[in-house]
Amino acid sequence: VIALDDVSLSLGRGEFVALIGPSGCGK
């Protein structure tokens, strides 16, 4: 089962990021 596929993401120091998506999407 591929839960996450080729995900790239950068967060700045002190940043607030929300992850959203359908159930089972790998959040």
mmCIF file of all heavy atoms, coordinates in Angstrom:
data_MODEL
# 
_entry.id   MODEL 
# 
loop_
_atom_site.group_PDB 
_atom_site.id 
_atom_site.type_symbol 
_atom_site.label_atom_id 
_atom_site.label_alt_id 
_atom_site.label_comp_id 
_atom_site.label_asym_id 
_atom_site.label_entity_id 
_atom_site.label_seq_id 
_atom_site.pdbx_PDB_ins_code 
_atom_site.Cartn_x 
_atom_site.Cartn_y 
_atom_site.Cartn_z 
_atom_site.occupancy 
_atom_site.B_iso_or_equiv 
_atom_site.pdbx_formal_charge 
_atom_site.auth_seq_id 
_atom_site.auth_comp_id 
_atom_site.auth_asym_id 
_atom_site.auth_atom_id 
_atom_site.pdbx_PDB_model_num 
ATOM 1   N N   . VAL A 1 1  ? 0.857   -1.181 0.000  1.00 0.00 ? 1  VAL A N   1 
ATOM 2   C CA  . VAL A 1 1  ? 0.000   0.000  0.000  1.00 0.00 ? 1  VAL A CA  1 
ATOM 3   C C   . VAL A 1 1  ? 0.895   1.233  0.000  1.00 0.00 ? 1  VAL A C   1 
ATOM 4   O O   . VAL A 1 1  ? 1.765   1.376  0.872  1.00 0.00 ? 1  VAL A O   1 
ATOM 5   C CB  . VAL A 1 1  ? -0.924  0.019  1.241  1.00 0.00 ? 1  VAL A CB  1 
ATOM 6   C CG1 . VAL A 1 1  ? -1.730  1.312  1.290  1.00 0.00 ? 1  VAL A CG1 1 
ATOM 7   C CG2 . VAL A 1 1  ? -1.848  -1.190 1.233  1.00 0.00 ? 1  VAL A CG2 1 
ATOM 8   N N   . ILE A 1 2  ? 0.704   2.098  -0.991 1.00 0.00 ? 2  ILE A N   1 
ATOM 9   C CA  . ILE A 1 2  ? 1.468   3.347  -1.040 1.00 0.00 ? 2  ILE A CA  1 
ATOM 10  C C   . ILE A 1 2  ? 0.664   4.405  -0.299 1.00 0.00 ? 2  ILE A C   1 
ATOM 11  O O   . ILE A 1 2  ? -0.389  4.849  -0.766 1.00 0.00 ? 2  ILE A O   1 
ATOM 12  C CB  . ILE A 1 2  ? 1.742   3.785  -2.496 1.00 0.00 ? 2  ILE A CB  1 
ATOM 13  C CG1 . ILE A 1 2  ? 2.525   2.699  -3.232 1.00 0.00 ? 2  ILE A CG1 1 
ATOM 14  C CG2 . ILE A 1 2  ? 2.530   5.098  -2.512 1.00 0.00 ? 2  ILE A CG2 1 
ATOM 15  C CD1 . ILE A 1 2  ? 2.711   2.986  -4.721 1.00 0.00 ? 2  ILE A CD1 1 
ATOM 16  N N   . ALA A 1 3  ? 1.141   4.783  0.886  1.00 0.00 ? 3  ALA A N   1 
ATOM 17  C CA  . ALA A 1 3  ? 0.436   5.778  1.698  1.00 0.00 ? 3  ALA A CA  1 
ATOM 18  C C   . ALA A 1 3  ? 0.753   7.188  1.223  1.00 0.00 ? 3  ALA A C   1 
ATOM 19  O O   . ALA A 1 3  ? -0.124  8.056  1.177  1.00 0.00 ? 3  ALA A O   1 
ATOM 20  C CB  . ALA A 1 3  ? 0.800   5.612  3.170  1.00 0.00 ? 3  ALA A CB  1 
ATOM 21  N N   . LEU A 1 4  ? 2.020   7.431  0.905  1.00 0.00 ? 4  LEU A N   1 
ATOM 22  C CA  . LEU A 1 4  ? 2.456   8.737  0.404  1.00 0.00 ? 4  LEU A CA  1 
ATOM 23  C C   . LEU A 1 4  ? 3.339   8.511  -0.816 1.00 0.00 ? 4  LEU A C   1 
ATOM 24  O O   . LEU A 1 4  ? 4.165   7.589  -0.817 1.00 0.00 ? 4  LEU A O   1 
ATOM 25  C CB  . LEU A 1 4  ? 3.259   9.494  1.465  1.00 0.00 ? 4  LEU A CB  1 
ATOM 26  C CG  . LEU A 1 4  ? 2.495   10.001 2.687  1.00 0.00 ? 4  LEU A CG  1 
ATOM 27  C CD1 . LEU A 1 4  ? 3.468   10.471 3.757  1.00 0.00 ? 4  LEU A CD1 1 
ATOM 28  C CD2 . LEU A 1 4  ? 1.540   11.134 2.303  1.00 0.00 ? 4  LEU A CD2 1 
ATOM 29  N N   . ASP A 1 5  ? 3.181   9.350  -1.830 1.00 0.00 ? 5  ASP A N   1 
ATOM 30  C CA  . ASP A 1 5  ? 3.896   9.154  -3.080 1.00 0.00 ? 5  ASP A CA  1 
ATOM 31  C C   . ASP A 1 5  ? 4.600   10.446 -3.493 1.00 0.00 ? 5  ASP A C   1 
ATOM 32  O O   . ASP A 1 5  ? 3.960   11.424 -3.877 1.00 0.00 ? 5  ASP A O   1 
ATOM 33  C CB  . ASP A 1 5  ? 2.914   8.716  -4.175 1.00 0.00 ? 5  ASP A CB  1 
ATOM 34  C CG  . ASP A 1 5  ? 3.614   8.372  -5.483 1.00 0.00 ? 5  ASP A CG  1 
ATOM 35  O OD1 . ASP A 1 5  ? 4.792   7.975  -5.422 1.00 0.00 ? 5  ASP A OD1 1 
ATOM 36  O OD2 . ASP A 1 5  ? 2.992   8.521  -6.544 1.00 0.00 ? 5  ASP A OD2 1 
ATOM 37  N N   . ASP A 1 6  ? 5.922   10.457 -3.373 1.00 0.00 ? 6  ASP A N   1 
ATOM 38  C CA  . ASP A 1 6  ? 6.767   11.550 -3.868 1.00 0.00 ? 6  ASP A CA  1 
ATOM 39  C C   . ASP A 1 6  ? 6.313   12.917 -3.330 1.00 0.00 ? 6  ASP A C   1 
ATOM 40  O O   . ASP A 1 6  ? 6.031   13.850 -4.078 1.00 0.00 ? 6  ASP A O   1 
ATOM 41  C CB  . ASP A 1 6  ? 6.772   11.553 -5.399 1.00 0.00 ? 6  ASP A CB  1 
ATOM 42  C CG  . ASP A 1 6  ? 7.901   12.395 -5.962 1.00 0.00 ? 6  ASP A CG  1 
ATOM 43  O OD1 . ASP A 1 6  ? 8.939   12.531 -5.279 1.00 0.00 ? 6  ASP A OD1 1 
ATOM 44  O OD2 . ASP A 1 6  ? 7.750   12.941 -7.070 1.00 0.00 ? 6  ASP A OD2 1 
ATOM 45  N N   . VAL A 1 7  ? 6.274   13.012 -2.005 1.00 0.00 ? 7  VAL A N   1 
ATOM 46  C CA  . VAL A 1 7  ? 5.821   14.242 -1.343 1.00 0.00 ? 7  VAL A CA  1 
ATOM 47  C C   . VAL A 1 7  ? 7.028   15.107 -0.998 1.00 0.00 ? 7  VAL A C   1 
ATOM 48  O O   . VAL A 1 7  ? 7.985   14.635 -0.370 1.00 0.00 ? 7  VAL A O   1 
ATOM 49  C CB  . VAL A 1 7  ? 5.023   13.895 -0.064 1.00 0.00 ? 7  VAL A CB  1 
ATOM 50  C CG1 . VAL A 1 7  ? 4.806   15.137 0.796  1.00 0.00 ? 7  VAL A CG1 1 
ATOM 51  C CG2 . VAL A 1 7  ? 3.695   13.261 -0.445 1.00 0.00 ? 7  VAL A CG2 1 
ATOM 52  N N   . SER A 1 8  ? 6.979   16.372 -1.405 1.00 0.00 ? 8  SER A N   1 
ATOM 53  C CA  . SER A 1 8  ? 8.007   17.348 -1.050 1.00 0.00 ? 8  SER A CA  1 
ATOM 54  C C   . SER A 1 8  ? 7.338   18.572 -0.441 1.00 0.00 ? 8  SER A C   1 
ATOM 55  O O   . SER A 1 8  ? 6.336   19.070 -0.976 1.00 0.00 ? 8  SER A O   1 
ATOM 56  C CB  . SER A 1 8  ? 8.832   17.763 -2.275 1.00 0.00 ? 8  SER A CB  1 
ATOM 57  O OG  . SER A 1 8  ? 9.594   16.682 -2.769 1.00 0.00 ? 8  SER A OG  1 
ATOM 58  N N   . LEU A 1 9  ? 7.907   19.056 0.673  1.00 0.00 ? 9  LEU A N   1 
ATOM 59  C CA  . LEU A 1 9  ? 7.307   20.169 1.383  1.00 0.00 ? 9  LEU A CA  1 
ATOM 60  C C   . LEU A 1 9  ? 8.368   20.796 2.282  1.00 0.00 ? 9  LEU A C   1 
ATOM 61  O O   . LEU A 1 9  ? 9.145   20.089 2.907  1.00 0.00 ? 9  LEU A O   1 
ATOM 62  C CB  . LEU A 1 9  ? 6.137   19.672 2.242  1.00 0.00 ? 9  LEU A CB  1 
ATOM 63  C CG  . LEU A 1 9  ? 5.377   20.681 3.109  1.00 0.00 ? 9  LEU A CG  1 
ATOM 64  C CD1 . LEU A 1 9  ? 4.632   21.685 2.244  1.00 0.00 ? 9  LEU A CD1 1 
ATOM 65  C CD2 . LEU A 1 9  ? 4.411   19.963 4.044  1.00 0.00 ? 9  LEU A CD2 1 
ATOM 66  N N   . SER A 1 10 ? 8.391   22.132 2.346  1.00 0.00 ? 10 SER A N   1 
ATOM 67  C CA  . SER A 1 10 ? 9.287   22.836 3.260  1.00 0.00 ? 10 SER A CA  1 
ATOM 68  C C   . SER A 1 10 ? 8.468   23.728 4.177  1.00 0.00 ? 10 SER A C   1 
ATOM 69  O O   . SER A 1 10 ? 7.510   24.369 3.735  1.00 0.00 ? 10 SER A O   1 
ATOM 70  C CB  . SER A 1 10 ? 10.299  23.695 2.489  1.00 0.00 ? 10 SER A CB  1 
ATOM 71  O OG  . SER A 1 10 ? 11.163  22.883 1.719  1.00 0.00 ? 10 SER A OG  1 
ATOM 72  N N   . LEU A 1 11 ? 8.856   23.774 5.442  1.00 0.00 ? 11 LEU A N   1 
ATOM 73  C CA  . LEU A 1 11 ? 8.198   24.637 6.421  1.00 0.00 ? 11 LEU A CA  1 
ATOM 74  C C   . LEU A 1 11 ? 9.222   25.618 6.964  1.00 0.00 ? 11 LEU A C   1 
ATOM 75  O O   . LEU A 1 11 ? 10.330  25.228 7.345  1.00 0.00 ? 11 LEU A O   1 
ATOM 76  C CB  . LEU A 1 11 ? 7.649   23.820 7.593  1.00 0.00 ? 11 LEU A CB  1 
ATOM 77  C CG  . LEU A 1 11 ? 6.316   23.089 7.428  1.00 0.00 ? 11 LEU A CG  1 
ATOM 78  C CD1 . LEU A 1 11 ? 6.443   21.909 6.489  1.00 0.00 ? 11 LEU A CD1 1 
ATOM 79  C CD2 . LEU A 1 11 ? 5.829   22.618 8.782  1.00 0.00 ? 11 LEU A CD2 1 
ATOM 80  N N   . GLY A 1 12 ? 8.834   26.882 7.016  1.00 0.00 ? 12 GLY A N   1 
ATOM 81  C CA  . GLY A 1 12 ? 9.691   27.880 7.627  1.00 0.00 ? 12 GLY A CA  1 
ATOM 82  C C   . GLY A 1 12 ? 9.649   27.783 9.135  1.00 0.00 ? 12 GLY A C   1 
ATOM 83  O O   . GLY A 1 12 ? 8.677   27.303 9.722  1.00 0.00 ? 12 GLY A O   1 
ATOM 84  N N   . ARG A 1 13 ? 10.705  28.245 9.777  1.00 0.00 ? 13 ARG A N   1 
ATOM 85  C CA  . ARG A 1 13 ? 10.752  28.235 11.239 1.00 0.00 ? 13 ARG A CA  1 
ATOM 86  C C   . ARG A 1 13 ? 9.622   29.101 11.788 1.00 0.00 ? 13 ARG A C   1 
ATOM 87  O O   . ARG A 1 13 ? 9.430   30.237 11.375 1.00 0.00 ? 13 ARG A O   1 
ATOM 88  C CB  . ARG A 1 13 ? 12.101  28.750 11.722 1.00 0.00 ? 13 ARG A CB  1 
ATOM 89  C CG  . ARG A 1 13 ? 12.330  28.575 13.213 1.00 0.00 ? 13 ARG A CG  1 
ATOM 90  C CD  . ARG A 1 13 ? 13.743  28.963 13.599 1.00 0.00 ? 13 ARG A CD  1 
ATOM 91  N NE  . ARG A 1 13 ? 14.727  28.059 13.016 1.00 0.00 ? 13 ARG A NE  1 
ATOM 92  C CZ  . ARG A 1 13 ? 15.098  26.893 13.550 1.00 0.00 ? 13 ARG A CZ  1 
ATOM 93  N NH1 . ARG A 1 13 ? 14.543  26.486 14.691 1.00 0.00 ? 13 ARG A NH1 1 
ATOM 94  N NH2 . ARG A 1 13 ? 16.000  26.136 12.971 1.00 0.00 ? 13 ARG A NH2 1 
ATOM 95  N N   . GLY A 1 14 ? 8.840   28.538 12.703 1.00 0.00 ? 14 GLY A N   1 
ATOM 96  C CA  . GLY A 1 14 ? 7.730   29.268 13.290 1.00 0.00 ? 14 GLY A CA  1 
ATOM 97  C C   . GLY A 1 14 ? 6.474   29.301 12.447 1.00 0.00 ? 14 GLY A C   1 
ATOM 98  O O   . GLY A 1 14 ? 5.501   29.956 12.817 1.00 0.00 ? 14 GLY A O   1 
ATOM 99  N N   . GLU A 1 15 ? 6.459   28.568 11.349 1.00 0.00 ? 15 GLU A N   1 
ATOM 100 C CA  . GLU A 1 15 ? 5.275   28.541 10.476 1.00 0.00 ? 15 GLU A CA  1 
ATOM 101 C C   . GLU A 1 15 ? 4.234   27.570 11.036 1.00 0.00 ? 15 GLU A C   1 
ATOM 102 O O   . GLU A 1 15 ? 4.564   26.609 11.724 1.00 0.00 ? 15 GLU A O   1 
ATOM 103 C CB  . GLU A 1 15 ? 5.678   28.117 9.060  1.00 0.00 ? 15 GLU A CB  1 
ATOM 104 C CG  . GLU A 1 15 ? 4.553   28.247 8.046  1.00 0.00 ? 15 GLU A CG  1 
ATOM 105 C CD  . GLU A 1 15 ? 4.950   27.863 6.631  1.00 0.00 ? 15 GLU A CD  1 
ATOM 106 O OE1 . GLU A 1 15 ? 6.045   27.301 6.434  1.00 0.00 ? 15 GLU A OE1 1 
ATOM 107 O OE2 . GLU A 1 15 ? 4.153   28.119 5.712  1.00 0.00 ? 15 GLU A OE2 1 
ATOM 108 N N   . PHE A 1 16 ? 2.963   27.827 10.718 1.00 0.00 ? 16 PHE A N   1 
ATOM 109 C CA  . PHE A 1 16 ? 1.859   26.925 11.077 1.00 0.00 ? 16 PHE A CA  1 
ATOM 110 C C   . PHE A 1 16 ? 1.252   26.411 9.777  1.00 0.00 ? 16 PHE A C   1 
ATOM 111 O O   . PHE A 1 16 ? 0.718   27.193 8.989  1.00 0.00 ? 16 PHE A O   1 
ATOM 112 C CB  . PHE A 1 16 ? 0.802   27.670 11.899 1.00 0.00 ? 16 PHE A CB  1 
ATOM 113 C CG  . PHE A 1 16 ? -0.097  26.760 12.710 1.00 0.00 ? 16 PHE A CG  1 
ATOM 114 C CD1 . PHE A 1 16 ? -0.206  26.927 14.081 1.00 0.00 ? 16 PHE A CD1 1 
ATOM 115 C CD2 . PHE A 1 16 ? -0.821  25.746 12.107 1.00 0.00 ? 16 PHE A CD2 1 
ATOM 116 C CE1 . PHE A 1 16 ? -1.028  26.103 14.840 1.00 0.00 ? 16 PHE A CE1 1 
ATOM 117 C CE2 . PHE A 1 16 ? -1.647  24.907 12.851 1.00 0.00 ? 16 PHE A CE2 1 
ATOM 118 C CZ  . PHE A 1 16 ? -1.739  25.092 14.223 1.00 0.00 ? 16 PHE A CZ  1 
ATOM 119 N N   . VAL A 1 17 ? 1.352   25.107 9.554  1.00 0.00 ? 17 VAL A N   1 
ATOM 120 C CA  . VAL A 1 17 ? 0.848   24.486 8.320  1.00 0.00 ? 17 VAL A CA  1 
ATOM 121 C C   . VAL A 1 17 ? -0.227  23.471 8.688  1.00 0.00 ? 17 VAL A C   1 
ATOM 122 O O   . VAL A 1 17 ? -0.091  22.726 9.656  1.00 0.00 ? 17 VAL A O   1 
ATOM 123 C CB  . VAL A 1 17 ? 2.001   23.803 7.547  1.00 0.00 ? 17 VAL A CB  1 
ATOM 124 C CG1 . VAL A 1 17 ? 1.470   22.867 6.473  1.00 0.00 ? 17 VAL A CG1 1 
ATOM 125 C CG2 . VAL A 1 17 ? 2.904   24.859 6.913  1.00 0.00 ? 17 VAL A CG2 1 
ATOM 126 N N   . ALA A 1 18 ? -1.313  23.460 7.929  1.00 0.00 ? 18 ALA A N   1 
ATOM 127 C CA  . ALA A 1 18 ? -2.373  22.463 8.114  1.00 0.00 ? 18 ALA A CA  1 
ATOM 128 C C   . ALA A 1 18 ? -2.351  21.489 6.946  1.00 0.00 ? 18 ALA A C   1 
ATOM 129 O O   . ALA A 1 18 ? -2.168  21.891 5.788  1.00 0.00 ? 18 ALA A O   1 
ATOM 130 C CB  . ALA A 1 18 ? -3.739  23.141 8.199  1.00 0.00 ? 18 ALA A CB  1 
ATOM 131 N N   . LEU A 1 19 ? -2.534  20.204 7.255  1.00 0.00 ? 19 LEU A N   1 
ATOM 132 C CA  . LEU A 1 19 ? -2.660  19.151 6.245  1.00 0.00 ? 19 LEU A CA  1 
ATOM 133 C C   . LEU A 1 19 ? -4.111  18.715 6.187  1.00 0.00 ? 19 LEU A C   1 
ATOM 134 O O   . LEU A 1 19 ? -4.704  18.396 7.220  1.00 0.00 ? 19 LEU A O   1 
ATOM 135 C CB  . LEU A 1 19 ? -1.788  17.947 6.598  1.00 0.00 ? 19 LEU A CB  1 
ATOM 136 C CG  . LEU A 1 19 ? -0.303  18.172 6.859  1.00 0.00 ? 19 LEU A CG  1 
ATOM 137 C CD1 . LEU A 1 19 ? 0.353   16.857 7.272  1.00 0.00 ? 19 LEU A CD1 1 
ATOM 138 C CD2 . LEU A 1 19 ? 0.386   18.745 5.635  1.00 0.00 ? 19 LEU A CD2 1 
ATOM 139 N N   . ILE A 1 20 ? -4.685  18.706 4.973  1.00 0.00 ? 20 ILE A N   1 
ATOM 140 C CA  . ILE A 1 20 ? -6.081  18.305 4.833  1.00 0.00 ? 20 ILE A CA  1 
ATOM 141 C C   . ILE A 1 20 ? -6.215  17.416 3.608  1.00 0.00 ? 20 ILE A C   1 
ATOM 142 O O   . ILE A 1 20 ? -5.459  17.541 2.635  1.00 0.00 ? 20 ILE A O   1 
ATOM 143 C CB  . ILE A 1 20 ? -6.998  19.553 4.749  1.00 0.00 ? 20 ILE A CB  1 
ATOM 144 C CG1 . ILE A 1 20 ? -8.458  19.186 5.009  1.00 0.00 ? 20 ILE A CG1 1 
ATOM 145 C CG2 . ILE A 1 20 ? -6.811  20.305 3.432  1.00 0.00 ? 20 ILE A CG2 1 
ATOM 146 C CD1 . ILE A 1 20 ? -9.351  20.399 5.282  1.00 0.00 ? 20 ILE A CD1 1 
ATOM 147 N N   . GLY A 1 21 ? -7.169  16.497 3.663  1.00 0.00 ? 21 GLY A N   1 
ATOM 148 C CA  . GLY A 1 21 ? -7.387  15.575 2.554  1.00 0.00 ? 21 GLY A CA  1 
ATOM 149 C C   . GLY A 1 21 ? -8.346  14.491 2.994  1.00 0.00 ? 21 GLY A C   1 
ATOM 150 O O   . GLY A 1 21 ? -8.694  14.388 4.174  1.00 0.00 ? 21 GLY A O   1 
ATOM 151 N N   . PRO A 1 22 ? -8.786  13.653 2.047  1.00 0.00 ? 22 PRO A N   1 
ATOM 152 C CA  . PRO A 1 22 ? -9.737  12.596 2.401  1.00 0.00 ? 22 PRO A CA  1 
ATOM 153 C C   . PRO A 1 22 ? -9.139  11.589 3.370  1.00 0.00 ? 22 PRO A C   1 
ATOM 154 O O   . PRO A 1 22 ? -7.917  11.476 3.497  1.00 0.00 ? 22 PRO A O   1 
ATOM 155 C CB  . PRO A 1 22 ? -10.067 11.943 1.050  1.00 0.00 ? 22 PRO A CB  1 
ATOM 156 C CG  . PRO A 1 22 ? -8.974  12.347 0.128  1.00 0.00 ? 22 PRO A CG  1 
ATOM 157 C CD  . PRO A 1 22 ? -8.444  13.658 0.612  1.00 0.00 ? 22 PRO A CD  1 
ATOM 158 N N   . SER A 1 23 ? -10.012 10.859 4.069  1.00 0.00 ? 23 SER A N   1 
ATOM 159 C CA  . SER A 1 23 ? -9.538  9.824  4.998  1.00 0.00 ? 23 SER A CA  1 
ATOM 160 C C   . SER A 1 23 ? -8.642  8.839  4.261  1.00 0.00 ? 23 SER A C   1 
ATOM 161 O O   . SER A 1 23 ? -8.926  8.457  3.125  1.00 0.00 ? 23 SER A O   1 
ATOM 162 C CB  . SER A 1 23 ? -10.726 9.086  5.609  1.00 0.00 ? 23 SER A CB  1 
ATOM 163 O OG  . SER A 1 23 ? -11.455 9.946  6.447  1.00 0.00 ? 23 SER A OG  1 
ATOM 164 N N   . GLY A 1 24 ? -7.560  8.449  4.911  1.00 0.00 ? 24 GLY A N   1 
ATOM 165 C CA  . GLY A 1 24 ? -6.659  7.472  4.319  1.00 0.00 ? 24 GLY A CA  1 
ATOM 166 C C   . GLY A 1 24 ? -5.687  8.039  3.306  1.00 0.00 ? 24 GLY A C   1 
ATOM 167 O O   . GLY A 1 24 ? -5.018  7.288  2.607  1.00 0.00 ? 24 GLY A O   1 
ATOM 168 N N   . CYS A 1 25 ? -5.574  9.389  3.243  1.00 0.00 ? 25 CYS A N   1 
ATOM 169 C CA  . CYS A 1 25 ? -4.708  9.990  2.216  1.00 0.00 ? 25 CYS A CA  1 
ATOM 170 C C   . CYS A 1 25 ? -3.262  10.114 2.670  1.00 0.00 ? 25 CYS A C   1 
ATOM 171 O O   . CYS A 1 25 ? -2.414  10.576 1.906  1.00 0.00 ? 25 CYS A O   1 
ATOM 172 C CB  . CYS A 1 25 ? -5.239  11.358 1.795  1.00 0.00 ? 25 CYS A CB  1 
ATOM 173 S SG  . CYS A 1 25 ? -5.015  12.640 3.050  1.00 0.00 ? 25 CYS A SG  1 
ATOM 174 N N   . GLY A 1 26 ? -2.959  9.743  3.907  1.00 0.00 ? 26 GLY A N   1 
ATOM 175 C CA  . GLY A 1 26 ? -1.575  9.775  4.353  1.00 0.00 ? 26 GLY A CA  1 
ATOM 176 C C   . GLY A 1 26 ? -1.205  10.958 5.228  1.00 0.00 ? 26 GLY A C   1 
ATOM 177 O O   . GLY A 1 26 ? -0.030  11.151 5.541  1.00 0.00 ? 26 GLY A O   1 
ATOM 178 N N   . LYS A 1 27 ? -2.202  11.736 5.654  1.00 0.00 ? 27 LYS A N   1 
ATOM 179 C CA  . LYS A 1 27 ? -1.901  12.908 6.504  1.00 0.00 ? 27 LYS A CA  1 
ATOM 180 C C   . LYS A 1 27 ? -1.214  12.477 7.799  1.00 0.00 ? 27 LYS A C   1 
ATOM 181 O O   . LYS A 1 27 ? -0.168  13.016 8.166  1.00 0.00 ? 27 LYS A O   1 
ATOM 182 C CB  . LYS A 1 27 ? -3.193  13.674 6.854  1.00 0.00 ? 27 LYS A CB  1 
ATOM 183 C CG  . LYS A 1 27 ? -4.004  14.150 5.685  1.00 0.00 ? 27 LYS A CG  1 
ATOM 184 C CD  . LYS A 1 27 ? -5.218  14.953 6.121  1.00 0.00 ? 27 LYS A CD  1 
ATOM 185 C CE  . LYS A 1 27 ? -6.242  14.167 6.926  1.00 0.00 ? 27 LYS A CE  1 
ATOM 186 N NZ  . LYS A 1 27 ? -6.906  13.096 6.153  1.00 0.00 ? 27 LYS A NZ  1 
# 
